[in-house]
Amino acid sequence: MELRIKELIDILGIKKQNIGKALKNTPYILKKIDGSAKPVKHYKFEDLPPWYQEIKKGVG
């Protein structure tokens, strides 16, 4: 599963600034999506830091 920062903000309820800092060294893939002029970063669930994975599993 691949997630964008916007999806992580909605799911985890964390500020964009905090997520950006935490994912600074996390590998990502740039993909073009509808409605966006620039490619958007997509993070694989397996590459997220462990605490985000635990929160995501708890949320569903």
PDB file of N, CA and C in Angstrom:
ATOM      1  N   MET A   1       0.840  -1.166   0.000  1.00  0.00           N
ATOM      2  CA  MET A   1       0.000   0.000   0.000  1.00  0.00           C
ATOM      3  C   MET A   1       0.893   1.239   0.000  1.00  0.00           C
ATOM      4  N   GLU A   2       0.560   2.180  -0.844  1.00  0.00           N
ATOM      5  CA  GLU A   2       1.303   3.441  -0.913  1.00  0.00           C
ATOM      6  C   GLU A   2       0.420   4.572  -0.401  1.00  0.00           C
ATOM      7  N   LEU A   3       1.027   5.453   0.381  1.00  0.00           N
ATOM      8  CA  LEU A   3       0.294   6.557   0.993  1.00  0.00           C
ATOM      9  C   LEU A   3       0.952   7.884   0.667  1.00  0.00           C
ATOM     10  N   ARG A   4       0.132   8.914   0.497  1.00  0.00           N
ATOM     11  CA  ARG A   4       0.643  10.275   0.325  1.00  0.00           C
ATOM     12  C   ARG A   4       0.636  10.962   1.687  1.00  0.00           C
ATOM     13  N   ILE A   5       1.374  12.059   1.803  1.00  0.00           N
ATOM     14  CA  ILE A   5       1.414  12.800   3.064  1.00  0.00           C
ATOM     15  C   ILE A   5       0.008  13.266   3.439  1.00  0.00           C
ATOM     16  N   LYS A   6      -0.772  13.700   2.460  1.00  0.00           N
ATOM     17  CA  LYS A   6      -2.138  14.163   2.739  1.00  0.00           C
ATOM     18  C   LYS A   6      -2.967  13.050   3.377  1.00  0.00           C
ATOM     19  N   GLU A   7      -2.810  11.822   2.891  1.00  0.00           N
ATOM     20  CA  GLU A   7      -3.538  10.693   3.468  1.00  0.00           C
ATOM     21  C   GLU A   7      -3.055  10.397   4.886  1.00  0.00           C
ATOM     22  N   LEU A   8      -1.753  10.502   5.109  1.00  0.00           N
ATOM     23  CA  LEU A   8      -1.217  10.275   6.452  1.00  0.00           C
ATOM     24  C   LEU A   8      -1.738  11.320   7.436  1.00  0.00           C
ATOM     25  N   ILE A   9      -1.841  12.565   7.001  1.00  0.00           N
ATOM     26  CA  ILE A   9      -2.375  13.626   7.864  1.00  0.00           C
ATOM     27  C   ILE A   9      -3.811  13.292   8.266  1.00  0.00           C
ATOM     28  N   ASP A  10      -4.622  12.866   7.309  1.00  0.00           N
ATOM     29  CA  ASP A  10      -6.023  12.531   7.591  1.00  0.00           C
ATOM     30  C   ASP A  10      -6.138  11.325   8.521  1.00  0.00           C
ATOM     31  N   ILE A  11      -5.325  10.309   8.289  1.00  0.00           N
ATOM     32  CA  ILE A  11      -5.407   9.072   9.065  1.00  0.00           C
ATOM     33  C   ILE A  11      -4.858   9.248  10.475  1.00  0.00           C
ATOM     34  N   LEU A  12      -3.682   9.858  10.580  1.00  0.00           N
ATOM     35  CA  LEU A  12      -2.979   9.919  11.859  1.00  0.00           C
ATOM     36  C   LEU A  12      -3.310  11.152  12.689  1.00  0.00           C
ATOM     37  N   GLY A  13      -3.828  12.188  12.058  1.00  0.00           N
ATOM     38  CA  GLY A  13      -4.140  13.409  12.786  1.00  0.00           C
ATOM     39  C   GLY A  13      -2.895  14.150  13.243  1.00  0.00           C
ATOM     40  N   ILE A  14      -1.836  14.099  12.448  1.00  0.00           N
ATOM     41  CA  ILE A  14      -0.566  14.752  12.768  1.00  0.00           C
ATOM     42  C   ILE A  14      -0.362  15.906  11.795  1.00  0.00           C
ATOM     43  N   LYS A  15       0.297  16.966  12.247  1.00  0.00           N
ATOM     44  CA  LYS A  15       0.549  18.126  11.397  1.00  0.00           C
ATOM     45  C   LYS A  15       1.491  17.777  10.251  1.00  0.00           C
ATOM     46  N   LYS A  16       1.304  18.444   9.126  1.00  0.00           N
ATOM     47  CA  LYS A  16       2.130  18.219   7.935  1.00  0.00           C
ATOM     48  C   LYS A  16       3.603  18.466   8.235  1.00  0.00           C
ATOM     49  N   GLN A  17       3.877  19.480   9.029  1.00  0.00           N
ATOM     50  CA  GLN A  17       5.252  19.825   9.382  1.00  0.00           C
ATOM     51  C   GLN A  17       5.944  18.659  10.100  1.00  0.00           C
ATOM     52  N   ASN A  18       5.247  18.035  11.042  1.00  0.00           N
ATOM     53  CA  ASN A  18       5.820  16.925  11.804  1.00  0.00           C
ATOM     54  C   ASN A  18       6.027  15.689  10.937  1.00  0.00           C
ATOM     55  N   ILE A  19       5.090  15.414  10.056  1.00  0.00           N
ATOM     56  CA  ILE A  19       5.229  14.256   9.170  1.00  0.00           C
ATOM     57  C   ILE A  19       6.396  14.469   8.215  1.00  0.00           C
ATOM     58  N   GLY A  20       6.521  15.672   7.676  1.00  0.00           N
ATOM     59  CA  GLY A  20       7.623  15.979   6.762  1.00  0.00           C
ATOM     60  C   GLY A  20       8.981  15.761   7.403  1.00  0.00           C
ATOM     61  N   LYS A  21       9.123  16.176   8.651  1.00  0.00           N
ATOM     62  CA  LYS A  21      10.394  15.983   9.362  1.00  0.00           C
ATOM     63  C   LYS A  21      10.659  14.509   9.619  1.00  0.00           C
ATOM     64  N   ALA A  22       9.639  13.768  10.024  1.00  0.00           N
ATOM     65  CA  ALA A  22       9.807  12.354  10.356  1.00  0.00           C
ATOM     66  C   ALA A  22      10.115  11.509   9.120  1.00  0.00           C
ATOM     67  N   LEU A  23       9.599  11.911   7.969  1.00  0.00           N
ATOM     68  CA  LEU A  23       9.786  11.128   6.744  1.00  0.00           C
ATOM     69  C   LEU A  23      10.934  11.647   5.881  1.00  0.00           C
ATOM     70  N   LYS A  24      11.734  12.530   6.427  1.00  0.00           N
ATOM     71  CA  LYS A  24      12.820  13.160   5.671  1.00  0.00           C
ATOM     72  C   LYS A  24      13.741  12.140   5.000  1.00  0.00           C
ATOM     73  N   ASN A  25      14.100  11.073   5.698  1.00  0.00           N
ATOM     74  CA  ASN A  25      15.032  10.073   5.167  1.00  0.00           C
ATOM     75  C   ASN A  25      14.339   8.798   4.696  1.00  0.00           C
ATOM     76  N   THR A  26      13.025   8.825   4.596  1.00  0.00           N
ATOM     77  CA  THR A  26      12.257   7.663   4.158  1.00  0.00           C
ATOM     78  C   THR A  26      12.188   7.644   2.631  1.00  0.00           C
ATOM     79  N   PRO A  27      12.466   6.491   2.009  1.00  0.00           N
ATOM     80  CA  PRO A  27      12.389   6.426   0.539  1.00  0.00           C
ATOM     81  C   PRO A  27      10.953   6.635   0.043  1.00  0.00           C
ATOM     82  N   TYR A  28      10.833   7.261  -1.115  1.00  0.00           N
ATOM     83  CA  TYR A  28       9.521   7.541  -1.695  1.00  0.00           C
ATOM     84  C   TYR A  28       9.588   7.418  -3.206  1.00  0.00           C
ATOM     85  N   ILE A  29       8.402   7.403  -3.823  1.00  0.00           N
ATOM     86  CA  ILE A  29       8.264   7.347  -5.275  1.00  0.00           C
ATOM     87  C   ILE A  29       7.460   8.577  -5.697  1.00  0.00           C
ATOM     88  N   LEU A  30       7.919   9.281  -6.716  1.00  0.00           N
ATOM     89  CA  LEU A  30       7.161  10.421  -7.242  1.00  0.00           C
ATOM     90  C   LEU A  30       6.196   9.921  -8.310  1.00  0.00           C
ATOM     91  N   LYS A  31       4.916  10.242  -8.141  1.00  0.00           N
ATOM     92  CA  LYS A  31       3.897   9.840  -9.101  1.00  0.00           C
ATOM     93  C   LYS A  31       3.021  11.033  -9.441  1.00  0.00           C
ATOM     94  N   LYS A  32       2.589  11.071 -10.672  1.00  0.00           N
ATOM     95  CA  LYS A  32       1.664  12.113 -11.138  1.00  0.00           C
ATOM     96  C   LYS A  32       0.242  11.674 -10.786  1.00  0.00           C
ATOM     97  N   ILE A  33      -0.524  12.577 -10.173  1.00  0.00           N
ATOM     98  CA  ILE A  33      -1.914  12.275  -9.857  1.00  0.00           C
ATOM     99  C   ILE A  33      -2.816  13.329 -10.488  1.00  0.00           C
ATOM    100  N   ASP A  34      -4.082  12.984 -10.666  1.00  0.00           N
ATOM    101  CA  ASP A  34      -5.048  13.920 -11.255  1.00  0.00           C
ATOM    102  C   ASP A  34      -5.220  15.131 -10.352  1.00  0.00           C
ATOM    103  N   GLY A  35      -5.258  16.300 -10.936  1.00  0.00           N
ATOM    104  CA  GLY A  35      -5.481  17.527 -10.191  1.00  0.00           C
ATOM    105  C   GLY A  35      -4.223  18.136  -9.610  1.00  0.00           C
ATOM    106  N   SER A  36      -3.069  17.558  -9.901  1.00  0.00           N
ATOM    107  CA  SER A  36      -1.810  18.088  -9.379  1.00  0.00           C
ATOM    108  C   SER A  36      -0.891  18.428 -10.544  1.00  0.00           C
ATOM    109  N   ALA A  37      -0.287  19.600 -10.477  1.00  0.00           N
ATOM    110  CA  ALA A  37       0.615  20.027 -11.548  1.00  0.00           C
ATOM    111  C   ALA A  37       1.974  19.344 -11.438  1.00  0.00           C
ATOM    112  N   LYS A  38       2.362  18.986 -10.223  1.00  0.00           N
ATOM    113  CA  LYS A  38       3.667  18.367  -9.989  1.00  0.00           C
ATOM    114  C   LYS A  38       3.489  16.930  -9.507  1.00  0.00           C
ATOM    115  N   PRO A  39       4.508  16.098  -9.684  1.00  0.00           N
ATOM    116  CA  PRO A  39       4.456  14.751  -9.108  1.00  0.00           C
ATOM    117  C   PRO A  39       4.383  14.824  -7.578  1.00  0.00           C
ATOM    118  N   VAL A  40       3.720  13.850  -6.979  1.00  0.00           N
ATOM    119  CA  VAL A  40       3.498  13.814  -5.535  1.00  0.00           C
ATOM    120  C   VAL A  40       4.254  12.629  -4.941  1.00  0.00           C
ATOM    121  N   LYS A  41       4.822  12.828  -3.747  1.00  0.00           N
ATOM    122  CA  LYS A  41       5.552  11.758  -3.067  1.00  0.00           C
ATOM    123  C   LYS A  41       4.572  10.709  -2.550  1.00  0.00           C
ATOM    124  N   HIS A  42       4.892   9.435  -2.818  1.00  0.00           N
ATOM    125  CA  HIS A  42       4.130   8.304  -2.305  1.00  0.00           C
ATOM    126  C   HIS A  42       5.088   7.443  -1.487  1.00  0.00           C
ATOM    127  N   TYR A  43       4.696   7.137  -0.261  1.00  0.00           N
ATOM    128  CA  TYR A  43       5.513   6.329   0.638  1.00  0.00           C
ATOM    129  C   TYR A  43       4.903   4.945   0.770  1.00  0.00           C
ATOM    130  N   LYS A  44       5.736   3.909   0.710  1.00  0.00           N
ATOM    131  CA  LYS A  44       5.256   2.554   0.934  1.00  0.00           C
ATOM    132  C   LYS A  44       5.022   2.361   2.426  1.00  0.00           C
ATOM    133  N   PHE A  45       3.951   1.664   2.767  1.00  0.00           N
ATOM    134  CA  PHE A  45       3.609   1.431   4.168  1.00  0.00           C
ATOM    135  C   PHE A  45       4.758   0.745   4.905  1.00  0.00           C
ATOM    136  N   GLU A  46       5.428  -0.196   4.244  1.00  0.00           N
ATOM    137  CA  GLU A  46       6.518  -0.954   4.861  1.00  0.00           C
ATOM    138  C   GLU A  46       7.721  -0.068   5.178  1.00  0.00           C
ATOM    139  N   ASP A  47       7.881   1.051   4.459  1.00  0.00           N
ATOM    140  CA  ASP A  47       9.024   1.945   4.657  1.00  0.00           C
ATOM    141  C   ASP A  47       8.776   3.006   5.728  1.00  0.00           C
ATOM    142  N   LEU A  48       7.538   3.139   6.192  1.00  0.00           N
ATOM    143  CA  LEU A  48       7.232   4.142   7.210  1.00  0.00           C
ATOM    144  C   LEU A  48       7.899   3.784   8.535  1.00  0.00           C
ATOM    145  N   PRO A  49       8.205   4.788   9.359  1.00  0.00           N
ATOM    146  CA  PRO A  49       8.753   4.508  10.688  1.00  0.00           C
ATOM    147  C   PRO A  49       7.783   3.622  11.484  1.00  0.00           C
ATOM    148  N   PRO A  50       8.309   2.790  12.384  1.00  0.00           N
ATOM    149  CA  PRO A  50       7.472   1.824  13.126  1.00  0.00           C
ATOM    150  C   PRO A  50       6.293   2.454  13.871  1.00  0.00           C
ATOM    151  N   TRP A  51       6.486   3.644  14.446  1.00  0.00           N
ATOM    152  CA  TRP A  51       5.372   4.236  15.214  1.00  0.00           C
ATOM    153  C   TRP A  51       4.219   4.627  14.313  1.00  0.00           C
ATOM    154  N   TYR A  52       4.476   5.010  13.055  1.00  0.00           N
ATOM    155  CA  TYR A  52       3.391   5.320  12.123  1.00  0.00           C
ATOM    156  C   TYR A  52       2.657   4.047  11.723  1.00  0.00           C
ATOM    157  N   GLN A  53       3.408   2.965  11.536  1.00  0.00           N
ATOM    158  CA  GLN A  53       2.789   1.691  11.178  1.00  0.00           C
ATOM    159  C   GLN A  53       1.856   1.221  12.292  1.00  0.00           C
ATOM    160  N   GLU A  54       2.281   1.370  13.551  1.00  0.00           N
ATOM    161  CA  GLU A  54       1.455   0.951  14.686  1.00  0.00           C
ATOM    162  C   GLU A  54       0.183   1.793  14.775  1.00  0.00           C
ATOM    163  N   ILE A  55       0.303   3.105  14.592  1.00  0.00           N
ATOM    164  CA  ILE A  55      -0.861   3.990  14.643  1.00  0.00           C
ATOM    165  C   ILE A  55      -1.823   3.642  13.514  1.00  0.00           C
ATOM    166  N   LYS A  56      -1.292   3.431  12.311  1.00  0.00           N
ATOM    167  CA  LYS A  56      -2.123   3.118  11.146  1.00  0.00           C
ATOM    168  C   LYS A  56      -2.869   1.809  11.356  1.00  0.00           C
ATOM    169  N   LYS A  57      -2.196   0.798  11.910  1.00  0.00           N
ATOM    170  CA  LYS A  57      -2.857  -0.486  12.161  1.00  0.00           C
ATOM    171  C   LYS A  57      -3.967  -0.320  13.187  1.00  0.00           C
ATOM    172  N   GLY A  58      -3.740   0.523  14.192  1.00  0.00           N
ATOM    173  CA  GLY A  58      -4.746   0.768  15.218  1.00  0.00           C
ATOM    174  C   GLY A  58      -5.960   1.500  14.680  1.00  0.00           C
ATOM    175  N   VAL A  59      -5.730   2.416  13.744  1.00  0.00           N
ATOM    176  CA  VAL A  59      -6.814   3.199  13.158  1.00  0.00           C
ATOM    177  C   VAL A  59      -7.600   2.363  12.164  1.00  0.00           C
ATOM    178  N   GLY A  60      -6.898   1.494  11.438  1.00  0.00           N
ATOM    179  CA  GLY A  60      -7.578   0.631  10.470  1.00  0.00           C
ATOM    180  C   GLY A  60      -7.189   1.019   9.130  1.00  0.00           C
TER     181      GLY A  60
END
